[in-house]
Amino acid sequence: QPPGAAFYDDVSYHLPAAATWLQYADLRMLRVEVGDMSTTFYPVLGELMSWIAMAVPGGNDFFARWSQLPAGLGIVLAVWALTRRGGGTAGGAAFAVALTLSIPRFLPDGVFSAGNDVWSAFWLCAALLFLLRVVEGARLGDALLLGTAIGGLVGTKYLNLFWLPALLAAAFIVGAVRVARGLPWRDLLRRGLALGAGALATGGYGYLRNLSTVGN
């Protein structure tokens, strides 16, 4: 059974969206006749990964069905890095990775499919990792990476918007602490702008598209 065949969303709109882009050479969304009609207006970062797998020279739809595999590998690396940055030993990090790999919904179900849940988890882990880096140093590049991860999170799935208040509140608290410790307001503003620019560039497309086409 080909990867993704057991998942309704994969064959309902994830892979058909990527095939539509490949056929028409733009990002128009298909309108499904049955099931969830709102998929036309969903964020598209997860589906773009399937399109990339088909559009690159030598690409084909076999790899498009495994478009979450890079996110799965990224999660493994992020779990290791988060554990180590949190003070865990190498053995503890290896145990955390083993626990991650033991989740059936992650491996093999999610990693070998064309959905967006594994990509969502990757962007969340990346956001947490870069948030910790901002806590430690508050460098401009880390703020940009944090914004990029937040943009990737909300640009992949609507439900990920529920993470946004907590992540932004944490970033705001970190900024306030940095200012209290002597960071100039101007530098904090530059970091905030870098965070916002990264988020908008990565995750803004689907929302701006909806605003321009249907007015909300």
N, C-alpha and C. Protein backbone atom coordinates (compact mmCIF):
# COMPACT_ATOMS: atom_id res chain seq x y z
N GLN A 1 0.85 -1.18 0.00
CA GLN A 1 0.00 0.00 0.00
C GLN A 1 0.89 1.24 0.00
N PRO A 2 0.71 2.15 -0.94
CA PRO A 2 1.59 3.32 -1.01
C PRO A 2 1.43 4.21 0.20
N PRO A 3 2.51 4.87 0.64
CA PRO A 3 2.41 5.79 1.78
C PRO A 3 1.35 6.84 1.53
N GLY A 4 0.56 7.13 2.55
CA GLY A 4 -0.47 8.14 2.42
C GLY A 4 -1.82 7.61 2.02
N ALA A 5 -1.86 6.38 1.48
CA ALA A 5 -3.14 5.85 0.99
C ALA A 5 -4.12 5.62 2.13
N ALA A 6 -3.61 5.43 3.34
CA ALA A 6 -4.49 5.16 4.47
C ALA A 6 -5.00 6.44 5.13
N PHE A 7 -4.55 7.59 4.66
CA PHE A 7 -4.93 8.85 5.30
C PHE A 7 -5.84 9.64 4.37
N TYR A 8 -7.04 9.90 4.82
CA TYR A 8 -8.03 10.56 3.98
C TYR A 8 -7.56 11.93 3.52
N ASP A 9 -6.97 12.71 4.41
CA ASP A 9 -6.56 14.06 4.04
C ASP A 9 -5.49 14.06 2.95
N ASP A 10 -4.61 13.06 2.97
CA ASP A 10 -3.55 13.01 1.96
C ASP A 10 -4.12 12.94 0.56
N VAL A 11 -5.09 12.05 0.37
CA VAL A 11 -5.67 11.88 -0.97
C VAL A 11 -6.81 12.84 -1.22
N SER A 12 -7.33 13.48 -0.16
CA SER A 12 -8.43 14.43 -0.33
C SER A 12 -7.93 15.79 -0.80
N TYR A 13 -6.86 16.33 -0.15
CA TYR A 13 -6.42 17.66 -0.57
C TYR A 13 -4.93 17.91 -0.47
N HIS A 14 -4.18 17.19 0.37
CA HIS A 14 -2.74 17.46 0.46
C HIS A 14 -2.05 17.23 -0.88
N LEU A 15 -2.13 16.01 -1.38
CA LEU A 15 -1.48 15.69 -2.64
C LEU A 15 -2.19 16.30 -3.85
N PRO A 16 -3.54 16.34 -3.90
CA PRO A 16 -4.19 17.02 -5.02
C PRO A 16 -3.81 18.50 -5.14
N ALA A 17 -3.62 19.18 -4.02
CA ALA A 17 -3.18 20.59 -4.08
C ALA A 17 -1.82 20.69 -4.75
N ALA A 18 -0.88 19.84 -4.35
CA ALA A 18 0.45 19.87 -4.96
C ALA A 18 0.38 19.54 -6.44
N ALA A 19 -0.47 18.59 -6.82
CA ALA A 19 -0.61 18.23 -8.23
C ALA A 19 -1.22 19.38 -9.04
N THR A 20 -2.13 20.13 -8.41
CA THR A 20 -2.74 21.29 -9.07
C THR A 20 -1.69 22.35 -9.36
N TRP A 21 -0.83 22.62 -8.39
CA TRP A 21 0.22 23.62 -8.60
C TRP A 21 1.17 23.18 -9.70
N LEU A 22 1.50 21.90 -9.72
CA LEU A 22 2.41 21.39 -10.74
C LEU A 22 1.78 21.53 -12.13
N GLN A 23 0.48 21.29 -12.22
CA GLN A 23 -0.20 21.34 -13.50
C GLN A 23 -0.32 22.77 -14.03
N TYR A 24 -0.66 23.72 -13.16
CA TYR A 24 -0.94 25.08 -13.61
C TYR A 24 0.22 26.05 -13.38
N ALA A 25 1.27 25.62 -12.69
CA ALA A 25 2.45 26.47 -12.44
C ALA A 25 2.11 27.72 -11.66
N ASP A 26 1.14 27.64 -10.77
CA ASP A 26 0.86 28.71 -9.80
C ASP A 26 0.23 28.08 -8.57
N LEU A 27 -0.11 28.91 -7.59
CA LEU A 27 -0.59 28.38 -6.30
C LEU A 27 -2.10 28.45 -6.16
N ARG A 28 -2.83 28.33 -7.26
CA ARG A 28 -4.28 28.27 -7.15
C ARG A 28 -4.67 27.04 -6.33
N MET A 29 -5.76 27.15 -5.58
CA MET A 29 -6.21 26.03 -4.76
C MET A 29 -7.42 25.35 -5.41
N LEU A 30 -7.44 24.04 -5.30
CA LEU A 30 -8.57 23.30 -5.81
C LEU A 30 -9.77 23.45 -4.88
N ARG A 31 -10.95 23.32 -5.44
CA ARG A 31 -12.19 23.34 -4.66
C ARG A 31 -12.76 21.93 -4.66
N VAL A 32 -12.77 21.29 -3.50
CA VAL A 32 -13.26 19.92 -3.42
C VAL A 32 -14.78 19.91 -3.46
N GLU A 33 -15.35 18.86 -4.05
CA GLU A 33 -16.79 18.75 -4.21
C GLU A 33 -17.45 18.03 -3.04
N VAL A 34 -16.69 17.26 -2.28
CA VAL A 34 -17.24 16.52 -1.14
C VAL A 34 -16.32 16.71 0.05
N GLY A 35 -16.85 16.43 1.23
CA GLY A 35 -16.02 16.54 2.43
C GLY A 35 -15.90 17.96 2.93
N ASP A 36 -14.72 18.32 3.39
CA ASP A 36 -14.48 19.62 4.01
C ASP A 36 -14.22 20.67 2.93
N MET A 37 -15.17 21.57 2.72
CA MET A 37 -15.03 22.59 1.69
C MET A 37 -14.02 23.68 2.06
N SER A 38 -13.67 23.77 3.32
CA SER A 38 -12.79 24.86 3.76
C SER A 38 -11.34 24.63 3.42
N THR A 39 -10.97 23.44 2.96
CA THR A 39 -9.56 23.16 2.66
C THR A 39 -9.00 24.08 1.59
N THR A 40 -9.86 24.65 0.77
CA THR A 40 -9.42 25.61 -0.25
C THR A 40 -8.68 26.79 0.38
N PHE A 41 -9.01 27.12 1.60
CA PHE A 41 -8.48 28.32 2.24
C PHE A 41 -7.46 28.02 3.33
N TYR A 42 -6.99 26.78 3.41
CA TYR A 42 -6.02 26.43 4.45
C TYR A 42 -4.63 26.98 4.12
N PRO A 43 -3.79 27.20 5.14
CA PRO A 43 -2.37 27.48 4.88
C PRO A 43 -1.73 26.31 4.12
N VAL A 44 -0.64 26.57 3.41
CA VAL A 44 -0.18 25.59 2.42
C VAL A 44 1.27 25.15 2.58
N LEU A 45 1.96 25.50 3.66
CA LEU A 45 3.38 25.15 3.73
C LEU A 45 3.62 23.65 3.67
N GLY A 46 2.77 22.86 4.33
CA GLY A 46 2.95 21.42 4.29
C GLY A 46 2.81 20.87 2.88
N GLU A 47 1.81 21.34 2.16
CA GLU A 47 1.58 20.87 0.80
C GLU A 47 2.69 21.33 -0.15
N LEU A 48 3.28 22.49 0.14
CA LEU A 48 4.39 22.96 -0.70
C LEU A 48 5.54 21.96 -0.71
N MET A 49 5.73 21.23 0.40
CA MET A 49 6.81 20.25 0.44
C MET A 49 6.55 19.11 -0.55
N SER A 50 5.30 18.71 -0.69
CA SER A 50 4.97 17.69 -1.69
C SER A 50 5.18 18.23 -3.09
N TRP A 51 4.81 19.49 -3.31
CA TRP A 51 5.02 20.10 -4.63
C TRP A 51 6.50 20.15 -4.97
N ILE A 52 7.35 20.50 -3.99
CA ILE A 52 8.79 20.56 -4.24
C ILE A 52 9.31 19.19 -4.66
N ALA A 53 8.82 18.13 -3.99
CA ALA A 53 9.28 16.78 -4.31
C ALA A 53 8.91 16.39 -5.74
N MET A 54 7.80 16.93 -6.25
CA MET A 54 7.40 16.63 -7.62
C MET A 54 8.03 17.57 -8.64
N ALA A 55 8.32 18.81 -8.23
CA ALA A 55 8.72 19.84 -9.19
C ALA A 55 10.22 19.88 -9.44
N VAL A 56 11.04 19.44 -8.48
CA VAL A 56 12.48 19.49 -8.70
C VAL A 56 12.85 18.53 -9.82
N PRO A 57 13.93 18.81 -10.55
CA PRO A 57 14.34 17.90 -11.62
C PRO A 57 14.54 16.47 -11.10
N GLY A 58 13.90 15.55 -11.74
CA GLY A 58 13.98 14.16 -11.31
C GLY A 58 12.98 13.80 -10.24
N GLY A 59 12.18 14.78 -9.79
CA GLY A 59 11.19 14.49 -8.75
C GLY A 59 10.02 13.69 -9.29
N ASN A 60 9.30 13.05 -8.39
CA ASN A 60 8.12 12.28 -8.79
C ASN A 60 7.17 12.18 -7.62
N ASP A 61 5.99 11.65 -7.89
CA ASP A 61 4.96 11.63 -6.85
C ASP A 61 5.23 10.59 -5.77
N PHE A 62 6.18 9.69 -5.98
CA PHE A 62 6.52 8.74 -4.92
C PHE A 62 7.09 9.48 -3.72
N PHE A 63 8.04 10.37 -3.97
CA PHE A 63 8.63 11.12 -2.87
C PHE A 63 7.68 12.17 -2.33
N ALA A 64 6.74 12.63 -3.18
CA ALA A 64 5.75 13.60 -2.71
C ALA A 64 4.91 13.01 -1.59
N ARG A 65 4.69 11.70 -1.60
CA ARG A 65 3.91 11.04 -0.55
C ARG A 65 4.69 10.97 0.76
N TRP A 66 6.00 11.18 0.69
CA TRP A 66 6.84 11.15 1.89
C TRP A 66 7.31 12.55 2.26
N SER A 67 6.51 13.54 1.98
CA SER A 67 6.97 14.92 2.14
C SER A 67 7.18 15.33 3.60
N GLN A 68 6.71 14.53 4.55
CA GLN A 68 6.93 14.86 5.96
C GLN A 68 8.20 14.21 6.53
N LEU A 69 8.88 13.41 5.72
CA LEU A 69 10.10 12.77 6.20
C LEU A 69 11.16 13.78 6.64
N PRO A 70 11.42 14.87 5.88
CA PRO A 70 12.39 15.86 6.37
C PRO A 70 11.98 16.47 7.71
N ALA A 71 10.68 16.69 7.91
CA ALA A 71 10.22 17.23 9.19
C ALA A 71 10.47 16.23 10.31
N GLY A 72 10.28 14.95 10.02
CA GLY A 72 10.54 13.92 11.03
C GLY A 72 12.00 13.91 11.44
N LEU A 73 12.90 14.01 10.47
CA LEU A 73 14.32 14.06 10.79
C LEU A 73 14.65 15.33 11.59
N GLY A 74 14.00 16.44 11.21
CA GLY A 74 14.21 17.69 11.94
C GLY A 74 13.74 17.60 13.37
N ILE A 75 12.63 16.90 13.61
CA ILE A 75 12.13 16.74 14.98
C ILE A 75 13.11 15.96 15.83
N VAL A 76 13.68 14.90 15.25
CA VAL A 76 14.67 14.11 15.99
C VAL A 76 15.84 14.99 16.41
N LEU A 77 16.35 15.81 15.49
CA LEU A 77 17.46 16.71 15.83
C LEU A 77 17.04 17.76 16.85
N ALA A 78 15.82 18.28 16.70
CA ALA A 78 15.35 19.31 17.62
C ALA A 78 15.14 18.75 19.03
N VAL A 79 14.60 17.53 19.13
CA VAL A 79 14.42 16.92 20.44
C VAL A 79 15.77 16.72 21.13
N TRP A 80 16.75 16.26 20.37
CA TRP A 80 18.10 16.11 20.92
C TRP A 80 18.63 17.46 21.41
N ALA A 81 18.51 18.49 20.56
CA ALA A 81 19.04 19.81 20.91
C ALA A 81 18.30 20.42 22.10
N LEU A 82 16.98 20.26 22.14
CA LEU A 82 16.21 20.80 23.26
C LEU A 82 16.60 20.13 24.58
N THR A 83 16.79 18.83 24.53
CA THR A 83 17.17 18.11 25.75
C THR A 83 18.55 18.56 26.24
N ARG A 84 19.50 18.67 25.31
CA ARG A 84 20.84 19.08 25.70
C ARG A 84 20.86 20.53 26.19
N ARG A 85 20.11 21.41 25.50
CA ARG A 85 20.09 22.81 25.90
C ARG A 85 19.38 22.98 27.24
N GLY A 86 18.47 22.06 27.55
CA GLY A 86 17.78 22.10 28.82
C GLY A 86 18.58 21.50 29.97
N GLY A 87 19.80 21.04 29.68
CA GLY A 87 20.67 20.51 30.74
C GLY A 87 20.75 19.01 30.79
N GLY A 88 20.10 18.32 29.84
CA GLY A 88 20.12 16.86 29.83
C GLY A 88 21.46 16.32 29.36
N THR A 89 21.75 15.12 29.77
CA THR A 89 22.97 14.44 29.33
C THR A 89 22.77 13.88 27.93
N ALA A 90 23.85 13.40 27.34
CA ALA A 90 23.74 12.76 26.03
C ALA A 90 22.84 11.53 26.11
N GLY A 91 22.94 10.79 27.20
CA GLY A 91 22.07 9.64 27.39
C GLY A 91 20.61 10.04 27.51
N GLY A 92 20.37 11.14 28.22
CA GLY A 92 19.00 11.63 28.35
C GLY A 92 18.44 12.09 27.02
N ALA A 93 19.29 12.73 26.21
CA ALA A 93 18.85 13.17 24.89
C ALA A 93 18.54 11.97 24.00
N ALA A 94 19.37 10.93 24.08
CA ALA A 94 19.12 9.72 23.30
C ALA A 94 17.81 9.06 23.74
N PHE A 95 17.53 9.08 25.04
CA PHE A 95 16.28 8.52 25.54
C PHE A 95 15.08 9.33 25.05
N ALA A 96 15.22 10.66 25.03
CA ALA A 96 14.14 11.51 24.53
C ALA A 96 13.87 11.23 23.05
N VAL A 97 14.93 11.03 22.28
CA VAL A 97 14.76 10.69 20.86
C VAL A 97 14.07 9.34 20.72
N ALA A 98 14.47 8.38 21.55
CA ALA A 98 13.85 7.05 21.49
C ALA A 98 12.36 7.13 21.82
N LEU A 99 12.00 7.95 22.81
CA LEU A 99 10.59 8.13 23.14
C LEU A 99 9.83 8.74 21.96
N THR A 100 10.47 9.69 21.30
CA THR A 100 9.84 10.31 20.14
C THR A 100 9.58 9.28 19.04
N LEU A 101 10.57 8.46 18.77
CA LEU A 101 10.45 7.46 17.71
C LEU A 101 9.47 6.35 18.06
N SER A 102 9.10 6.24 19.33
CA SER A 102 8.20 5.17 19.76
C SER A 102 6.73 5.52 19.56
N ILE A 103 6.43 6.76 19.14
CA ILE A 103 5.04 7.20 18.98
C ILE A 103 4.55 6.75 17.60
N PRO A 104 3.62 5.80 17.51
CA PRO A 104 3.18 5.30 16.20
C PRO A 104 2.62 6.40 15.31
N ARG A 105 1.94 7.37 15.89
CA ARG A 105 1.37 8.44 15.07
C ARG A 105 2.47 9.27 14.40
N PHE A 106 3.66 9.24 15.01
CA PHE A 106 4.81 9.92 14.42
C PHE A 106 5.54 9.02 13.43
N LEU A 107 5.91 7.84 13.89
CA LEU A 107 6.64 6.88 13.06
C LEU A 107 6.00 5.50 13.20
N PRO A 108 5.48 4.94 12.11
CA PRO A 108 5.67 5.36 10.72
C PRO A 108 4.54 6.21 10.15
N ASP A 109 3.42 6.34 10.89
CA ASP A 109 2.22 6.90 10.29
C ASP A 109 2.42 8.32 9.74
N GLY A 110 3.00 9.20 10.57
CA GLY A 110 3.12 10.59 10.14
C GLY A 110 4.29 10.84 9.22
N VAL A 111 5.45 10.28 9.55
CA VAL A 111 6.67 10.56 8.80
C VAL A 111 6.54 10.12 7.35
N PHE A 112 5.87 9.00 7.11
CA PHE A 112 5.74 8.48 5.76
C PHE A 112 4.38 8.82 5.16
N SER A 113 4.00 10.09 5.29
CA SER A 113 2.74 10.55 4.72
C SER A 113 2.95 11.95 4.18
N ALA A 114 1.90 12.48 3.54
CA ALA A 114 1.99 13.81 2.91
C ALA A 114 1.15 14.84 3.64
N GLY A 115 0.90 14.63 4.92
CA GLY A 115 0.06 15.56 5.67
C GLY A 115 0.82 16.77 6.16
N ASN A 116 0.36 17.34 7.28
CA ASN A 116 1.03 18.52 7.81
C ASN A 116 1.23 18.47 9.33
N ASP A 117 0.82 17.38 9.97
CA ASP A 117 0.96 17.31 11.43
C ASP A 117 2.41 17.22 11.87
N VAL A 118 3.22 16.45 11.15
CA VAL A 118 4.64 16.32 11.51
C VAL A 118 5.37 17.63 11.24
N TRP A 119 5.01 18.31 10.16
CA TRP A 119 5.60 19.63 9.92
C TRP A 119 5.20 20.61 11.02
N SER A 120 3.97 20.51 11.48
CA SER A 120 3.54 21.38 12.59
C SER A 120 4.39 21.13 13.82
N ALA A 121 4.60 19.86 14.14
CA ALA A 121 5.40 19.52 15.31
C ALA A 121 6.85 19.99 15.15
N PHE A 122 7.37 19.87 13.93
CA PHE A 122 8.74 20.34 13.70
C PHE A 122 8.86 21.83 13.94
N TRP A 123 7.93 22.62 13.37
CA TRP A 123 8.02 24.07 13.54
C TRP A 123 7.86 24.47 15.00
N LEU A 124 7.03 23.74 15.75
CA LEU A 124 6.87 24.05 17.17
C LEU A 124 8.17 23.75 17.92
N CYS A 125 8.77 22.60 17.66
CA CYS A 125 10.05 22.27 18.32
C CYS A 125 11.11 23.29 17.95
N ALA A 126 11.14 23.71 16.68
CA ALA A 126 12.11 24.71 16.25
C ALA A 126 11.87 26.04 16.97
N ALA A 127 10.60 26.43 17.11
CA ALA A 127 10.29 27.67 17.81
C ALA A 127 10.75 27.62 19.26
N LEU A 128 10.53 26.49 19.92
CA LEU A 128 10.96 26.35 21.31
C LEU A 128 12.49 26.41 21.41
N LEU A 129 13.16 25.78 20.45
CA LEU A 129 14.62 25.78 20.47
C LEU A 129 15.17 27.19 20.28
N PHE A 130 14.63 27.92 19.30
CA PHE A 130 15.13 29.28 19.05
C PHE A 130 14.71 30.23 20.17
N LEU A 131 13.58 29.95 20.83
CA LEU A 131 13.19 30.75 21.98
C LEU A 131 14.22 30.60 23.10
N LEU A 132 14.70 29.39 23.31
CA LEU A 132 15.74 29.18 24.31
C LEU A 132 17.03 29.89 23.93
N ARG A 133 17.34 29.91 22.64
CA ARG A 133 18.53 30.64 22.18
C ARG A 133 18.38 32.13 22.43
N VAL A 134 17.18 32.66 22.21
CA VAL A 134 16.92 34.08 22.49
C VAL A 134 17.07 34.37 23.98
N VAL A 135 16.60 33.44 24.81
CA VAL A 135 16.74 33.61 26.26
C VAL A 135 18.21 33.74 26.63
N GLU A 136 19.06 32.94 25.98
CA GLU A 136 20.47 32.93 26.34
C GLU A 136 21.24 34.13 25.80
N GLY A 137 20.86 34.62 24.59
CA GLY A 137 21.69 35.66 24.01
C GLY A 137 20.95 36.82 23.39
N ALA A 138 19.71 36.63 22.99
CA ALA A 138 18.91 37.69 22.37
C ALA A 138 19.61 38.30 21.17
N ARG A 139 20.25 37.45 20.34
CA ARG A 139 20.89 37.94 19.14
C ARG A 139 19.86 38.18 18.03
N LEU A 140 20.20 39.07 17.13
CA LEU A 140 19.28 39.42 16.05
C LEU A 140 18.96 38.20 15.19
N GLY A 141 19.97 37.40 14.87
CA GLY A 141 19.75 36.21 14.06
C GLY A 141 18.83 35.20 14.72
N ASP A 142 18.95 35.05 16.03
CA ASP A 142 18.07 34.12 16.74
C ASP A 142 16.63 34.61 16.74
N ALA A 143 16.44 35.93 16.85
CA ALA A 143 15.10 36.49 16.78
C ALA A 143 14.49 36.24 15.41
N LEU A 144 15.31 36.37 14.35
CA LEU A 144 14.82 36.11 12.99
C LEU A 144 14.45 34.64 12.83
N LEU A 145 15.28 33.75 13.37
CA LEU A 145 14.98 32.31 13.28
C LEU A 145 13.72 31.97 14.08
N LEU A 146 13.54 32.60 15.23
CA LEU A 146 12.33 32.37 16.02
C LEU A 146 11.10 32.81 15.23
N GLY A 147 11.18 33.98 14.61
CA GLY A 147 10.07 34.45 13.80
C GLY A 147 9.79 33.54 12.63
N THR A 148 10.84 33.03 12.00
CA THR A 148 10.67 32.10 10.88
C THR A 148 9.97 30.83 11.32
N ALA A 149 10.36 30.31 12.50
CA ALA A 149 9.72 29.11 13.02
C ALA A 149 8.26 29.36 13.37
N ILE A 150 7.96 30.51 13.96
CA ILE A 150 6.58 30.85 14.28
C ILE A 150 5.76 30.99 13.00
N GLY A 151 6.34 31.63 11.99
CA GLY A 151 5.66 31.74 10.71
C GLY A 151 5.42 30.39 10.07
N GLY A 152 6.41 29.51 10.16
CA GLY A 152 6.23 28.16 9.64
C GLY A 152 5.12 27.42 10.36
N LEU A 153 5.01 27.66 11.66
CA LEU A 153 3.98 27.00 12.46
C LEU A 153 2.59 27.42 12.01
N VAL A 154 2.33 28.71 11.94
CA VAL A 154 0.98 29.17 11.60
C VAL A 154 0.74 29.09 10.09
N GLY A 155 1.80 29.00 9.30
CA GLY A 155 1.65 28.86 7.86
C GLY A 155 1.42 27.44 7.41
N THR A 156 1.41 26.52 8.37
CA THR A 156 1.21 25.12 8.04
C THR A 156 -0.20 24.65 8.35
N LYS A 157 -0.78 25.17 9.44
CA LYS A 157 -2.08 24.66 9.89
C LYS A 157 -2.77 25.72 10.74
N TYR A 158 -4.07 25.90 10.52
CA TYR A 158 -4.82 26.88 11.30
C TYR A 158 -4.77 26.60 12.80
N LEU A 159 -4.87 25.33 13.19
CA LEU A 159 -4.91 25.00 14.61
C LEU A 159 -3.66 25.48 15.34
N ASN A 160 -2.58 25.65 14.61
CA ASN A 160 -1.34 26.10 15.24
C ASN A 160 -1.42 27.54 15.73
N LEU A 161 -2.43 28.28 15.31
CA LEU A 161 -2.63 29.63 15.85
C LEU A 161 -2.82 29.61 17.36
N PHE A 162 -3.29 28.47 17.90
CA PHE A 162 -3.48 28.38 19.35
C PHE A 162 -2.15 28.45 20.10
N TRP A 163 -1.04 28.12 19.43
CA TRP A 163 0.27 28.23 20.06
C TRP A 163 0.79 29.67 20.07
N LEU A 164 0.24 30.50 19.20
CA LEU A 164 0.80 31.83 18.98
C LEU A 164 0.81 32.71 20.23
N PRO A 165 -0.27 32.80 21.01
CA PRO A 165 -0.23 33.67 22.19
C PRO A 165 0.87 33.28 23.18
N ALA A 166 1.04 31.98 23.42
CA ALA A 166 2.06 31.55 24.38
C ALA A 166 3.46 31.86 23.87
N LEU A 167 3.72 31.61 22.59
CA LEU A 167 5.05 31.86 22.04
C LEU A 167 5.38 33.35 22.03
N LEU A 168 4.42 34.17 21.62
CA LEU A 168 4.66 35.62 21.59
C LEU A 168 4.78 36.19 22.99
N ALA A 169 3.99 35.66 23.93
CA ALA A 169 4.09 36.13 25.31
C ALA A 169 5.46 35.80 25.89
N ALA A 170 5.95 34.59 25.59
CA ALA A 170 7.27 34.21 26.08
C ALA A 170 8.35 35.11 25.48
N ALA A 171 8.24 35.39 24.15
CA ALA A 171 9.22 36.27 23.51
C ALA A 171 9.16 37.67 24.11
N PHE A 172 7.95 38.15 24.41
CA PHE A 172 7.79 39.48 25.02
C PHE A 172 8.43 39.53 26.40
N ILE A 173 8.22 38.50 27.19
CA ILE A 173 8.79 38.45 28.54
C ILE A 173 10.31 38.44 28.46
N VAL A 174 10.85 37.65 27.52
CA VAL A 174 12.30 37.61 27.35
C VAL A 174 12.83 39.00 26.99
N GLY A 175 12.13 39.68 26.08
CA GLY A 175 12.55 41.03 25.70
C GLY A 175 12.51 41.99 26.88
N ALA A 176 11.45 41.90 27.69
CA ALA A 176 11.34 42.78 28.85
C ALA A 176 12.47 42.53 29.84
N VAL A 177 12.81 41.27 30.04
CA VAL A 177 13.91 40.94 30.96
C VAL A 177 15.22 41.48 30.42
N ARG A 178 15.41 41.36 29.09
CA ARG A 178 16.64 41.86 28.48
C ARG A 178 16.77 43.37 28.65
N VAL A 179 15.67 44.08 28.47
CA VAL A 179 15.69 45.53 28.66
C VAL A 179 16.00 45.87 30.11
N ALA A 180 15.41 45.11 31.02
CA ALA A 180 15.69 45.36 32.44
C ALA A 180 17.15 45.13 32.78
N ARG A 181 17.81 44.27 31.99
CA ARG A 181 19.22 43.99 32.23
C ARG A 181 20.15 44.86 31.40
N GLY A 182 19.59 45.87 30.73
CA GLY A 182 20.44 46.84 30.06
C GLY A 182 20.41 46.84 28.55
N LEU A 183 19.61 45.97 27.91
CA LEU A 183 19.52 46.00 26.45
C LEU A 183 18.77 47.25 26.01
N PRO A 184 19.35 48.06 25.12
CA PRO A 184 18.66 49.28 24.67
C PRO A 184 17.34 48.96 23.98
N TRP A 185 16.36 49.84 24.17
CA TRP A 185 15.06 49.66 23.54
C TRP A 185 15.18 49.57 22.03
N ARG A 186 16.12 50.31 21.46
CA ARG A 186 16.28 50.31 20.00
C ARG A 186 16.70 48.92 19.51
N ASP A 187 17.59 48.29 20.25
CA ASP A 187 18.02 46.94 19.88
C ASP A 187 16.86 45.95 20.03
N LEU A 188 16.08 46.11 21.08
CA LEU A 188 14.92 45.24 21.27
C LEU A 188 13.92 45.42 20.13
N LEU A 189 13.73 46.65 19.69
CA LEU A 189 12.80 46.91 18.59
C LEU A 189 13.30 46.25 17.31
N ARG A 190 14.61 46.32 17.06
CA ARG A 190 15.15 45.66 15.87
C ARG A 190 14.92 44.16 15.92
N ARG A 191 15.08 43.56 17.09
CA ARG A 191 14.85 42.13 17.22
C ARG A 191 13.36 41.79 17.02
N GLY A 192 12.50 42.65 17.54
CA GLY A 192 11.08 42.44 17.35
C GLY A 192 10.67 42.54 15.89
N LEU A 193 11.26 43.49 15.18
CA LEU A 193 10.98 43.64 13.75
C LEU A 193 11.51 42.44 12.97
N ALA A 194 12.68 41.93 13.37
CA ALA A 194 13.23 40.74 12.71
C ALA A 194 12.33 39.54 12.94
N LEU A 195 11.82 39.41 14.16
CA LEU A 195 10.89 38.31 14.46
C LEU A 195 9.64 38.44 13.60
N GLY A 196 9.06 39.63 13.55
CA GLY A 196 7.84 39.83 12.77
C GLY A 196 8.06 39.61 11.29
N ALA A 197 9.20 40.08 10.77
CA ALA A 197 9.49 39.91 9.34
C ALA A 197 9.66 38.44 8.99
N GLY A 198 10.35 37.69 9.85
CA GLY A 198 10.53 36.27 9.61
C GLY A 198 9.21 35.53 9.62
N ALA A 199 8.34 35.89 10.57
CA ALA A 199 7.04 35.23 10.67
C ALA A 199 6.16 35.55 9.46
N LEU A 200 6.16 36.82 9.05
CA LEU A 200 5.33 37.21 7.91
C LEU A 200 5.82 36.58 6.62
N ALA A 201 7.14 36.57 6.43
CA ALA A 201 7.69 36.00 5.20
C ALA A 201 7.42 34.51 5.09
N THR A 202 7.47 33.80 6.22
CA THR A 202 7.30 32.36 6.19
C THR A 202 5.83 31.94 6.22
N GLY A 203 5.04 32.60 7.04
CA GLY A 203 3.68 32.13 7.25
C GLY A 203 2.57 33.03 6.79
N GLY A 204 2.92 34.18 6.20
CA GLY A 204 1.87 35.15 5.88
C GLY A 204 1.09 34.88 4.61
N TYR A 205 1.63 34.05 3.71
CA TYR A 205 1.02 33.92 2.39
C TYR A 205 -0.44 33.49 2.44
N GLY A 206 -0.72 32.39 3.14
CA GLY A 206 -2.08 31.87 3.15
C GLY A 206 -3.09 32.87 3.68
N TYR A 207 -2.72 33.63 4.68
CA TYR A 207 -3.62 34.59 5.29
C TYR A 207 -3.81 35.83 4.40
N LEU A 208 -2.71 36.30 3.79
CA LEU A 208 -2.82 37.43 2.86
C LEU A 208 -3.60 37.03 1.61
N ARG A 209 -3.42 35.80 1.16
CA ARG A 209 -4.19 35.30 0.01
C ARG A 209 -5.69 35.32 0.31
N ASN A 210 -6.05 34.82 1.50
CA ASN A 210 -7.48 34.81 1.87
C ASN A 210 -8.03 36.22 1.99
N LEU A 211 -7.22 37.11 2.58
CA LEU A 211 -7.67 38.49 2.75
C LEU A 211 -7.93 39.15 1.39
N SER A 212 -7.06 38.88 0.43
CA SER A 212 -7.20 39.52 -0.87
C SER A 212 -8.29 38.87 -1.72
N THR A 213 -8.57 37.59 -1.51
CA THR A 213 -9.52 36.90 -2.38
C THR A 213 -10.93 36.84 -1.81
N VAL A 214 -11.06 36.68 -0.50
CA VAL A 214 -12.41 36.56 0.09
C VAL A 214 -12.67 37.61 1.17
N GLY A 215 -11.67 38.44 1.47
CA GLY A 215 -11.90 39.57 2.35
C GLY A 215 -11.77 39.31 3.84
N ASN A 216 -11.26 38.14 4.23
CA ASN A 216 -11.03 37.91 5.66
C ASN A 216 -9.82 37.00 5.84
